[in-house]
Amino acid sequence: MKKGGAAKGELVLAIFELANCFRNGWGIAKDPAAARKYYETAANLGDTDAMNEIAWCYLEGFGGKKDKFKAAQYLRLAEEKGAKTLGNSCDRRMDADEDIDS
């Protein structure tokens, strides 16, 4: 059994869903900064969907400053944890200065 078990998984999911509520204004006023904070919290607790979302926040500057380095870190971490989202591995090719069209 994983450390924290099912209760931790449910808590992380709740934090991720709270971030979605703040992002989209579901049942509460939209608050990009709060959404970003909760996405990052869920990501740091191991949620791969949250890792993808916080990466997007850093990439687009949603709820705070843009930070492409942190965005790439979270995308790579999500991939390492098994999240195979289309486009996540593209940044590795760009880092290596490879021709994307090849």
PDB file of N, CA and C in Angstrom:
ATOM      1  N   MET A   1       0.839  -1.186   0.000  1.00  0.00           N
ATOM      2  CA  MET A   1       0.000   0.000   0.000  1.00  0.00           C
ATOM      3  C   MET A   1       0.885   1.251   0.000  1.00  0.00           C
ATOM      4  N   LYS A   2       0.478   2.237  -0.780  1.00  0.00           N
ATOM      5  CA  LYS A   2       1.229   3.476  -0.845  1.00  0.00           C
ATOM      6  C   LYS A   2       1.172   4.213   0.477  1.00  0.00           C
ATOM      7  N   LYS A   3       2.208   5.012   0.728  1.00  0.00           N
ATOM      8  CA  LYS A   3       2.235   5.837   1.922  1.00  0.00           C
ATOM      9  C   LYS A   3       1.073   6.826   1.873  1.00  0.00           C
ATOM     10  N   GLY A   4       0.254   6.833   2.904  1.00  0.00           N
ATOM     11  CA  GLY A   4      -0.909   7.710   2.951  1.00  0.00           C
ATOM     12  C   GLY A   4      -2.180   7.009   2.518  1.00  0.00           C
ATOM     13  N   GLY A   5      -2.058   5.980   1.681  1.00  0.00           N
ATOM     14  CA  GLY A   5      -3.187   5.175   1.269  1.00  0.00           C
ATOM     15  C   GLY A   5      -4.287   5.929   0.548  1.00  0.00           C
ATOM     16  N   ALA A   6      -5.483   5.365   0.639  1.00  0.00           N
ATOM     17  CA  ALA A   6      -6.639   5.906  -0.076  1.00  0.00           C
ATOM     18  C   ALA A   6      -7.018   7.294   0.412  1.00  0.00           C
ATOM     19  N   ALA A   7      -6.874   7.540   1.696  1.00  0.00           N
ATOM     20  CA  ALA A   7      -7.255   8.854   2.236  1.00  0.00           C
ATOM     21  C   ALA A   7      -6.428   9.967   1.595  1.00  0.00           C
ATOM     22  N   LYS A   8      -5.128   9.721   1.398  1.00  0.00           N
ATOM     23  CA  LYS A   8      -4.285  10.732   0.762  1.00  0.00           C
ATOM     24  C   LYS A   8      -4.732  10.970  -0.670  1.00  0.00           C
ATOM     25  N   GLY A   9      -5.050   9.905  -1.382  1.00  0.00           N
ATOM     26  CA  GLY A   9      -5.504  10.033  -2.760  1.00  0.00           C
ATOM     27  C   GLY A   9      -6.775  10.857  -2.870  1.00  0.00           C
ATOM     28  N   GLU A  10      -7.697  10.641  -1.951  1.00  0.00           N
ATOM     29  CA  GLU A  10      -8.948  11.400  -1.967  1.00  0.00           C
ATOM     30  C   GLU A  10      -8.698  12.868  -1.631  1.00  0.00           C
ATOM     31  N   LEU A  11      -7.790  13.134  -0.699  1.00  0.00           N
ATOM     32  CA  LEU A  11      -7.467  14.513  -0.330  1.00  0.00           C
ATOM     33  C   LEU A  11      -6.834  15.243  -1.518  1.00  0.00           C
ATOM     34  N   VAL A  12      -5.914  14.591  -2.192  1.00  0.00           N
ATOM     35  CA  VAL A  12      -5.239  15.202  -3.343  1.00  0.00           C
ATOM     36  C   VAL A  12      -6.248  15.484  -4.452  1.00  0.00           C
ATOM     37  N   LEU A  13      -7.159  14.550  -4.692  1.00  0.00           N
ATOM     38  CA  LEU A  13      -8.200  14.762  -5.695  1.00  0.00           C
ATOM     39  C   LEU A  13      -9.077  15.952  -5.317  1.00  0.00           C
ATOM     40  N   ALA A  14      -9.413  16.081  -4.040  1.00  0.00           N
ATOM     41  CA  ALA A  14     -10.238  17.206  -3.587  1.00  0.00           C
ATOM     42  C   ALA A  14      -9.512  18.537  -3.792  1.00  0.00           C
ATOM     43  N   ILE A  15      -8.220  18.559  -3.540  1.00  0.00           N
ATOM     44  CA  ILE A  15      -7.431  19.784  -3.741  1.00  0.00           C
ATOM     45  C   ILE A  15      -7.402  20.135  -5.230  1.00  0.00           C
ATOM     46  N   PHE A  16      -7.216  19.133  -6.079  1.00  0.00           N
ATOM     47  CA  PHE A  16      -7.214  19.359  -7.522  1.00  0.00           C
ATOM     48  C   PHE A  16      -8.562  19.900  -7.991  1.00  0.00           C
ATOM     49  N   GLU A  17      -9.643  19.323  -7.498  1.00  0.00           N
ATOM     50  CA  GLU A  17     -10.977  19.781  -7.903  1.00  0.00           C
ATOM     51  C   GLU A  17     -11.261  21.184  -7.381  1.00  0.00           C
ATOM     52  N   LEU A  18     -10.757  21.517  -6.202  1.00  0.00           N
ATOM     53  CA  LEU A  18     -10.901  22.877  -5.682  1.00  0.00           C
ATOM     54  C   LEU A  18     -10.192  23.873  -6.602  1.00  0.00           C
ATOM     55  N   ALA A  19      -9.024  23.486  -7.094  1.00  0.00           N
ATOM     56  CA  ALA A  19      -8.299  24.331  -8.048  1.00  0.00           C
ATOM     57  C   ALA A  19      -9.137  24.552  -9.309  1.00  0.00           C
ATOM     58  N   ASN A  20      -9.770  23.489  -9.798  1.00  0.00           N
ATOM     59  CA  ASN A  20     -10.634  23.620 -10.975  1.00  0.00           C
ATOM     60  C   ASN A  20     -11.789  24.584 -10.716  1.00  0.00           C
ATOM     61  N   CYS A  21     -12.356  24.531  -9.506  1.00  0.00           N
ATOM     62  CA  CYS A  21     -13.450  25.440  -9.152  1.00  0.00           C
ATOM     63  C   CYS A  21     -12.982  26.891  -9.186  1.00  0.00           C
ATOM     64  N   PHE A  22     -11.823  27.154  -8.607  1.00  0.00           N
ATOM     65  CA  PHE A  22     -11.291  28.522  -8.624  1.00  0.00           C
ATOM     66  C   PHE A  22     -10.933  28.965 -10.042  1.00  0.00           C
ATOM     67  N   ARG A  23     -10.432  28.055 -10.843  1.00  0.00           N
ATOM     68  CA  ARG A  23     -10.045  28.393 -12.218  1.00  0.00           C
ATOM     69  C   ARG A  23     -11.259  28.760 -13.071  1.00  0.00           C
ATOM     70  N   ASN A  24     -12.324  27.969 -12.930  1.00  0.00           N
ATOM     71  CA  ASN A  24     -13.479  28.112 -13.799  1.00  0.00           C
ATOM     72  C   ASN A  24     -14.645  28.879 -13.185  1.00  0.00           C
ATOM     73  N   GLY A  25     -14.558  29.211 -11.906  1.00  0.00           N
ATOM     74  CA  GLY A  25     -15.652  29.910 -11.254  1.00  0.00           C
ATOM     75  C   GLY A  25     -16.850  29.018 -10.974  1.00  0.00           C
ATOM     76  N   TRP A  26     -16.604  27.738 -10.707  1.00  0.00           N
ATOM     77  CA  TRP A  26     -17.680  26.797 -10.418  1.00  0.00           C
ATOM     78  C   TRP A  26     -18.044  26.885  -8.944  1.00  0.00           C
ATOM     79  N   GLY A  27     -19.163  27.544  -8.629  1.00  0.00           N
ATOM     80  CA  GLY A  27     -19.632  27.643  -7.255  1.00  0.00           C
ATOM     81  C   GLY A  27     -18.905  28.675  -6.418  1.00  0.00           C
ATOM     82  N   ILE A  28     -17.999  29.385  -7.010  1.00  0.00           N
ATOM     83  CA  ILE A  28     -17.185  30.378  -6.300  1.00  0.00           C
ATOM     84  C   ILE A  28     -16.644  31.360  -7.339  1.00  0.00           C
ATOM     85  N   ALA A  29     -16.275  32.549  -6.889  1.00  0.00           N
ATOM     86  CA  ALA A  29     -15.710  33.536  -7.818  1.00  0.00           C
ATOM     87  C   ALA A  29     -14.391  33.023  -8.392  1.00  0.00           C
ATOM     88  N   LYS A  30     -14.144  33.331  -9.662  1.00  0.00           N
ATOM     89  CA  LYS A  30     -12.866  32.942 -10.276  1.00  0.00           C
ATOM     90  C   LYS A  30     -11.722  33.617  -9.530  1.00  0.00           C
ATOM     91  N   ASP A  31     -10.674  32.833  -9.273  1.00  0.00           N
ATOM     92  CA  ASP A  31      -9.501  33.352  -8.579  1.00  0.00           C
ATOM     93  C   ASP A  31      -8.271  32.622  -9.129  1.00  0.00           C
ATOM     94  N   PRO A  32      -7.659  33.166 -10.185  1.00  0.00           N
ATOM     95  CA  PRO A  32      -6.520  32.491 -10.807  1.00  0.00           C
ATOM     96  C   PRO A  32      -5.361  32.207  -9.846  1.00  0.00           C
ATOM     97  N   ALA A  33      -5.087  33.126  -8.928  1.00  0.00           N
ATOM     98  CA  ALA A  33      -3.981  32.911  -7.983  1.00  0.00           C
ATOM     99  C   ALA A  33      -4.269  31.735  -7.059  1.00  0.00           C
ATOM    100  N   ALA A  34      -5.511  31.627  -6.595  1.00  0.00           N
ATOM    101  CA  ALA A  34      -5.880  30.494  -5.733  1.00  0.00           C
ATOM    102  C   ALA A  34      -5.840  29.190  -6.514  1.00  0.00           C
ATOM    103  N   ALA A  35      -6.328  29.220  -7.758  1.00  0.00           N
ATOM    104  CA  ALA A  35      -6.299  28.018  -8.590  1.00  0.00           C
ATOM    105  C   ALA A  35      -4.863  27.530  -8.751  1.00  0.00           C
ATOM    106  N   ARG A  36      -3.988  28.454  -9.054  1.00  0.00           N
ATOM    107  CA  ARG A  36      -2.578  28.104  -9.245  1.00  0.00           C
ATOM    108  C   ARG A  36      -1.993  27.507  -7.970  1.00  0.00           C
ATOM    109  N   LYS A  37      -2.296  28.087  -6.830  1.00  0.00           N
ATOM    110  CA  LYS A  37      -1.772  27.591  -5.551  1.00  0.00           C
ATOM    111  C   LYS A  37      -2.250  26.159  -5.285  1.00  0.00           C
ATOM    112  N   TYR A  38      -3.538  25.907  -5.525  1.00  0.00           N
ATOM    113  CA  TYR A  38      -4.069  24.565  -5.267  1.00  0.00           C
ATOM    114  C   TYR A  38      -3.567  23.546  -6.290  1.00  0.00           C
ATOM    115  N   TYR A  39      -3.425  23.941  -7.545  1.00  0.00           N
ATOM    116  CA  TYR A  39      -2.821  23.032  -8.529  1.00  0.00           C
ATOM    117  C   TYR A  39      -1.413  22.634  -8.088  1.00  0.00           C
ATOM    118  N   GLU A  40      -0.642  23.620  -7.649  1.00  0.00           N
ATOM    119  CA  GLU A  40       0.733  23.316  -7.249  1.00  0.00           C
ATOM    120  C   GLU A  40       0.773  22.422  -6.014  1.00  0.00           C
ATOM    121  N   THR A  41      -0.134  22.663  -5.082  1.00  0.00           N
ATOM    122  CA  THR A  41      -0.200  21.813  -3.890  1.00  0.00           C
ATOM    123  C   THR A  41      -0.512  20.374  -4.275  1.00  0.00           C
ATOM    124  N   ALA A  42      -1.522  20.178  -5.128  1.00  0.00           N
ATOM    125  CA  ALA A  42      -1.882  18.828  -5.562  1.00  0.00           C
ATOM    126  C   ALA A  42      -0.749  18.180  -6.354  1.00  0.00           C
ATOM    127  N   ALA A  43      -0.071  18.977  -7.190  1.00  0.00           N
ATOM    128  CA  ALA A  43       1.060  18.448  -7.960  1.00  0.00           C
ATOM    129  C   ALA A  43       2.177  17.990  -7.040  1.00  0.00           C
ATOM    130  N   ASN A  44       2.466  18.784  -6.027  1.00  0.00           N
ATOM    131  CA  ASN A  44       3.535  18.424  -5.088  1.00  0.00           C
ATOM    132  C   ASN A  44       3.174  17.216  -4.235  1.00  0.00           C
ATOM    133  N   LEU A  45       1.887  16.888  -4.174  1.00  0.00           N
ATOM    134  CA  LEU A  45       1.442  15.688  -3.467  1.00  0.00           C
ATOM    135  C   LEU A  45       1.343  14.481  -4.400  1.00  0.00           C
ATOM    136  N   GLY A  46       1.706  14.673  -5.684  1.00  0.00           N
ATOM    137  CA  GLY A  46       1.827  13.548  -6.604  1.00  0.00           C
ATOM    138  C   GLY A  46       0.754  13.403  -7.659  1.00  0.00           C
ATOM    139  N   ASP A  47      -0.177  14.329  -7.770  1.00  0.00           N
ATOM    140  CA  ASP A  47      -1.240  14.217  -8.770  1.00  0.00           C
ATOM    141  C   ASP A  47      -0.726  14.643 -10.144  1.00  0.00           C
ATOM    142  N   THR A  48      -0.737  13.718 -11.092  1.00  0.00           N
ATOM    143  CA  THR A  48      -0.169  14.018 -12.413  1.00  0.00           C
ATOM    144  C   THR A  48      -1.029  14.986 -13.216  1.00  0.00           C
ATOM    145  N   ASP A  49      -2.349  14.935 -13.046  1.00  0.00           N
ATOM    146  CA  ASP A  49      -3.201  15.914 -13.730  1.00  0.00           C
ATOM    147  C   ASP A  49      -2.882  17.316 -13.226  1.00  0.00           C
ATOM    148  N   ALA A  50      -2.670  17.441 -11.933  1.00  0.00           N
ATOM    149  CA  ALA A  50      -2.310  18.740 -11.353  1.00  0.00           C
ATOM    150  C   ALA A  50      -0.948  19.198 -11.857  1.00  0.00           C
ATOM    151  N   MET A  51      -0.032  18.248 -12.070  1.00  0.00           N
ATOM    152  CA  MET A  51       1.285  18.603 -12.607  1.00  0.00           C
ATOM    153  C   MET A  51       1.142  19.228 -13.987  1.00  0.00           C
ATOM    154  N   ASN A  52       0.273  18.660 -14.807  1.00  0.00           N
ATOM    155  CA  ASN A  52       0.034  19.222 -16.137  1.00  0.00           C
ATOM    156  C   ASN A  52      -0.615  20.595 -16.047  1.00  0.00           C
ATOM    157  N   GLU A  53      -1.555  20.752 -15.130  1.00  0.00           N
ATOM    158  CA  GLU A  53      -2.249  22.036 -14.998  1.00  0.00           C
ATOM    159  C   GLU A  53      -1.337  23.129 -14.450  1.00  0.00           C
ATOM    160  N   ILE A  54      -0.517  22.815 -13.457  1.00  0.00           N
ATOM    161  CA  ILE A  54       0.382  23.843 -12.914  1.00  0.00           C
ATOM    162  C   ILE A  54       1.440  24.198 -13.955  1.00  0.00           C
ATOM    163  N   ALA A  55       1.834  23.240 -14.759  1.00  0.00           N
ATOM    164  CA  ALA A  55       2.768  23.538 -15.847  1.00  0.00           C
ATOM    165  C   ALA A  55       2.136  24.544 -16.802  1.00  0.00           C
ATOM    166  N   TRP A  56       0.864  24.332 -17.139  1.00  0.00           N
ATOM    167  CA  TRP A  56       0.152  25.277 -18.003  1.00  0.00           C
ATOM    168  C   TRP A  56       0.099  26.656 -17.359  1.00  0.00           C
ATOM    169  N   CYS A  57      -0.185  26.698 -16.038  1.00  0.00           N
ATOM    170  CA  CYS A  57      -0.244  27.983 -15.322  1.00  0.00           C
ATOM    171  C   CYS A  57       1.086  28.724 -15.438  1.00  0.00           C
ATOM    172  N   TYR A  58       2.189  28.006 -15.228  1.00  0.00           N
ATOM    173  CA  TYR A  58       3.506  28.638 -15.333  1.00  0.00           C
ATOM    174  C   TYR A  58       3.813  29.045 -16.771  1.00  0.00           C
ATOM    175  N   LEU A  59       3.413  28.234 -17.714  1.00  0.00           N
ATOM    176  CA  LEU A  59       3.693  28.534 -19.117  1.00  0.00           C
ATOM    177  C   LEU A  59       2.924  29.763 -19.591  1.00  0.00           C
ATOM    178  N   GLU A  60       1.673  29.888 -19.186  1.00  0.00           N
ATOM    179  CA  GLU A  60       0.815  30.978 -19.644  1.00  0.00           C
ATOM    180  C   GLU A  60       0.808  32.194 -18.715  1.00  0.00           C
ATOM    181  N   GLY A  61       1.361  32.036 -17.507  1.00  0.00           N
ATOM    182  CA  GLY A  61       1.305  33.128 -16.545  1.00  0.00           C
ATOM    183  C   GLY A  61      -0.052  33.244 -15.881  1.00  0.00           C
ATOM    184  N   PHE A  62      -0.786  32.161 -15.816  1.00  0.00           N
ATOM    185  CA  PHE A  62      -2.110  32.146 -15.198  1.00  0.00           C
ATOM    186  C   PHE A  62      -1.972  32.171 -13.667  1.00  0.00           C
ATOM    187  N   GLY A  63      -2.458  33.225 -13.058  1.00  0.00           N
ATOM    188  CA  GLY A  63      -2.415  33.335 -11.603  1.00  0.00           C
ATOM    189  C   GLY A  63      -1.081  33.778 -11.038  1.00  0.00           C
ATOM    190  N   GLY A  64      -0.157  34.167 -11.885  1.00  0.00           N
ATOM    191  CA  GLY A  64       1.167  34.601 -11.426  1.00  0.00           C
ATOM    192  C   GLY A  64       2.100  34.802 -12.610  1.00  0.00           C
ATOM    193  N   LYS A  65       3.367  34.894 -12.305  1.00  0.00           N
ATOM    194  CA  LYS A  65       4.363  35.135 -13.347  1.00  0.00           C
ATOM    195  C   LYS A  65       4.609  33.891 -14.193  1.00  0.00           C
ATOM    196  N   LYS A  66       4.984  34.131 -15.451  1.00  0.00           N
ATOM    197  CA  LYS A  66       5.389  33.045 -16.340  1.00  0.00           C
ATOM    198  C   LYS A  66       6.744  32.512 -15.878  1.00  0.00           C
ATOM    199  N   ASP A  67       6.917  31.210 -16.014  1.00  0.00           N
ATOM    200  CA  ASP A  67       8.190  30.578 -15.681  1.00  0.00           C
ATOM    201  C   ASP A  67       8.287  29.291 -16.506  1.00  0.00           C
ATOM    202  N   LYS A  68       8.905  29.393 -17.676  1.00  0.00           N
ATOM    203  CA  LYS A  68       8.998  28.245 -18.576  1.00  0.00           C
ATOM    204  C   LYS A  68       9.850  27.117 -17.991  1.00  0.00           C
ATOM    205  N   PHE A  69      10.825  27.467 -17.189  1.00  0.00           N
ATOM    206  CA  PHE A  69      11.663  26.446 -16.555  1.00  0.00           C
ATOM    207  C   PHE A  69      10.831  25.585 -15.609  1.00  0.00           C
ATOM    208  N   LYS A  70      10.030  26.220 -14.740  1.00  0.00           N
ATOM    209  CA  LYS A  70       9.187  25.458 -13.812  1.00  0.00           C
ATOM    210  C   LYS A  70       8.122  24.681 -14.569  1.00  0.00           C
ATOM    211  N   ALA A  71       7.592  25.260 -15.648  1.00  0.00           N
ATOM    212  CA  ALA A  71       6.608  24.542 -16.454  1.00  0.00           C
ATOM    213  C   ALA A  71       7.218  23.248 -16.989  1.00  0.00           C
ATOM    214  N   ALA A  72       8.417  23.340 -17.528  1.00  0.00           N
ATOM    215  CA  ALA A  72       9.096  22.155 -18.062  1.00  0.00           C
ATOM    216  C   ALA A  72       9.375  21.134 -16.962  1.00  0.00           C
ATOM    217  N   GLN A  73       9.745  21.599 -15.767  1.00  0.00           N
ATOM    218  CA  GLN A  73       9.985  20.677 -14.643  1.00  0.00           C
ATOM    219  C   GLN A  73       8.734  19.866 -14.329  1.00  0.00           C
ATOM    220  N   TYR A  74       7.591  20.548 -14.238  1.00  0.00           N
ATOM    221  CA  TYR A  74       6.352  19.844 -13.912  1.00  0.00           C
ATOM    222  C   TYR A  74       5.906  18.915 -15.036  1.00  0.00           C
ATOM    223  N   LEU A  75       6.094  19.321 -16.289  1.00  0.00           N
ATOM    224  CA  LEU A  75       5.738  18.439 -17.399  1.00  0.00           C
ATOM    225  C   LEU A  75       6.600  17.180 -17.396  1.00  0.00           C
ATOM    226  N   ARG A  76       7.876  17.343 -17.138  1.00  0.00           N
ATOM    227  CA  ARG A  76       8.775  16.177 -17.078  1.00  0.00           C
ATOM    228  C   ARG A  76       8.430  15.276 -15.909  1.00  0.00           C
ATOM    229  N   LEU A  77       8.098  15.872 -14.764  1.00  0.00           N
ATOM    230  CA  LEU A  77       7.723  15.080 -13.594  1.00  0.00           C
ATOM    231  C   LEU A  77       6.444  14.296 -13.875  1.00  0.00           C
ATOM    232  N   ALA A  78       5.471  14.934 -14.513  1.00  0.00           N
ATOM    233  CA  ALA A  78       4.226  14.241 -14.864  1.00  0.00           C
ATOM    234  C   ALA A  78       4.511  13.063 -15.779  1.00  0.00           C
ATOM    235  N   GLU A  79       5.400  13.267 -16.735  1.00  0.00           N
ATOM    236  CA  GLU A  79       5.749  12.186 -17.656  1.00  0.00           C
ATOM    237  C   GLU A  79       6.451  11.049 -16.914  1.00  0.00           C
ATOM    238  N   GLU A  80       7.351  11.390 -16.007  1.00  0.00           N
ATOM    239  CA  GLU A  80       8.044  10.369 -15.217  1.00  0.00           C
ATOM    240  C   GLU A  80       7.071   9.551 -14.371  1.00  0.00           C
ATOM    241  N   LYS A  81       6.002  10.199 -13.924  1.00  0.00           N
ATOM    242  CA  LYS A  81       5.002   9.535 -13.079  1.00  0.00           C
ATOM    243  C   LYS A  81       3.974   8.771 -13.902  1.00  0.00           C
ATOM    244  N   GLY A  82       4.099   8.806 -15.232  1.00  0.00           N
ATOM    245  CA  GLY A  82       3.240   8.005 -16.078  1.00  0.00           C
ATOM    246  C   GLY A  82       2.182   8.754 -16.859  1.00  0.00           C
ATOM    247  N   ALA A  83       2.111  10.070 -16.737  1.00  0.00           N
ATOM    248  CA  ALA A  83       1.129  10.845 -17.504  1.00  0.00           C
ATOM    249  C   ALA A  83       1.663  11.055 -18.908  1.00  0.00           C
ATOM    250  N   LYS A  84       1.001  10.474 -19.873  1.00  0.00           N
ATOM    251  CA  LYS A  84       1.435  10.569 -21.267  1.00  0.00           C
ATOM    252  C   LYS A  84       0.505  11.513 -22.009  1.00  0.00           C
ATOM    253  N   THR A  85       0.629  12.800 -21.749  1.00  0.00           N
ATOM    254  CA  THR A  85      -0.193  13.807 -22.400  1.00  0.00           C
ATOM    255  C   THR A  85       0.484  14.248 -23.685  1.00  0.00           C
ATOM    256  N   LEU A  86      -0.274  14.310 -24.753  1.00  0.00           N
ATOM    257  CA  LEU A  86       0.252  14.704 -26.043  1.00  0.00           C
ATOM    258  C   LEU A  86       0.958  16.048 -25.946  1.00  0.00           C
ATOM    259  N   GLY A  87       2.196  16.094 -26.389  1.00  0.00           N
ATOM    260  CA  GLY A  87       2.939  17.345 -26.404  1.00  0.00           C
ATOM    261  C   GLY A  87       3.874  17.544 -25.229  1.00  0.00           C
ATOM    262  N   ASN A  88       3.748  16.755 -24.170  1.00  0.00           N
ATOM    263  CA  ASN A  88       4.601  16.949 -23.004  1.00  0.00           C
ATOM    264  C   ASN A  88       6.071  16.711 -23.290  1.00  0.00           C
ATOM    265  N   SER A  89       6.388  15.797 -24.183  1.00  0.00           N
ATOM    266  CA  SER A  89       7.788  15.471 -24.430  1.00  0.00           C
ATOM    267  C   SER A  89       8.416  16.367 -25.484  1.00  0.00           C
ATOM    268  N   CYS A  90       7.647  17.240 -26.091  1.00  0.00           N
ATOM    269  CA  CYS A  90       8.167  18.133 -27.121  1.00  0.00           C
ATOM    270  C   CYS A  90       9.274  19.033 -26.569  1.00  0.00           C
ATOM    271  N   ASP A  91       9.143  19.473 -25.304  1.00  0.00           N
ATOM    272  CA  ASP A  91      10.138  20.388 -24.749  1.00  0.00           C
ATOM    273  C   ASP A  91      11.518  19.752 -24.679  1.00  0.00           C
ATOM    274  N   ARG A  92      11.599  18.433 -24.574  1.00  0.00           N
ATOM    275  CA  ARG A  92      12.909  17.770 -24.558  1.00  0.00           C
ATOM    276  C   ARG A  92      13.598  17.916 -25.911  1.00  0.00           C
ATOM    277  N   ARG A  93      12.837  17.818 -26.971  1.00  0.00           N
ATOM    278  CA  ARG A  93      13.421  17.970 -28.302  1.00  0.00           C
ATOM    279  C   ARG A  93      13.872  19.406 -28.513  1.00  0.00           C
ATOM    280  N   MET A  94      13.111  20.344 -28.013  1.00  0.00           N
ATOM    281  CA  MET A  94      13.493  21.749 -28.169  1.00  0.00           C
ATOM    282  C   MET A  94      14.744  22.053 -27.350  1.00  0.00           C
ATOM    283  N   ASP A  95      14.842  21.425 -26.144  1.00  0.00           N
ATOM    284  CA  ASP A  95      16.037  21.635 -25.322  1.00  0.00           C
ATOM    285  C   ASP A  95      17.284  21.125 -26.027  1.00  0.00           C
ATOM    286  N   ALA A  96      17.132  20.075 -26.801  1.00  0.00           N
ATOM    287  CA  ALA A  96      18.275  19.466 -27.496  1.00  0.00           C
ATOM    288  C   ALA A  96      18.558  20.157 -28.822  1.00  0.00           C
ATOM    289  N   ASP A  97      17.794  21.214 -29.134  1.00  0.00           N
ATOM    290  CA  ASP A  97      17.955  21.962 -30.378  1.00  0.00           C
ATOM    291  C   ASP A  97      17.813  21.079 -31.611  1.00  0.00           C
ATOM    292  N   GLU A  98      16.929  20.065 -31.501  1.00  0.00           N
ATOM    293  CA  GLU A  98      16.674  19.214 -32.657  1.00  0.00           C
ATOM    294  C   GLU A  98      15.646  19.881 -33.545  1.00  0.00           C
ATOM    295  N   ASP A  99      15.658  19.489 -34.787  1.00  0.00           N
ATOM    296  CA  ASP A  99      14.679  20.010 -35.732  1.00  0.00           C
ATOM    297  C   ASP A  99      13.335  19.331 -35.453  1.00  0.00           C
ATOM    298  N   ILE A 100      12.329  20.092 -35.082  1.00  0.00           N
ATOM    299  CA  ILE A 100      11.033  19.552 -34.716  1.00  0.00           C
ATOM    300  C   ILE A 100      10.336  18.922 -35.914  1.00  0.00           C
ATOM    301  N   ASP A 101      10.591  19.402 -37.089  1.00  0.00           N
ATOM    302  CA  ASP A 101       9.926  18.871 -38.282  1.00  0.00           C
ATOM    303  C   ASP A 101      10.498  17.551 -38.745  1.00  0.00           C
ATOM    304  N   SER A 102      11.612  17.129 -38.194  1.00  0.00           N
ATOM    305  CA  SER A 102      12.211  15.881 -38.684  1.00  0.00           C
ATOM    306  C   SER A 102      11.681  14.679 -37.972  1.00  0.00           C
TER     307      SER A 102
END
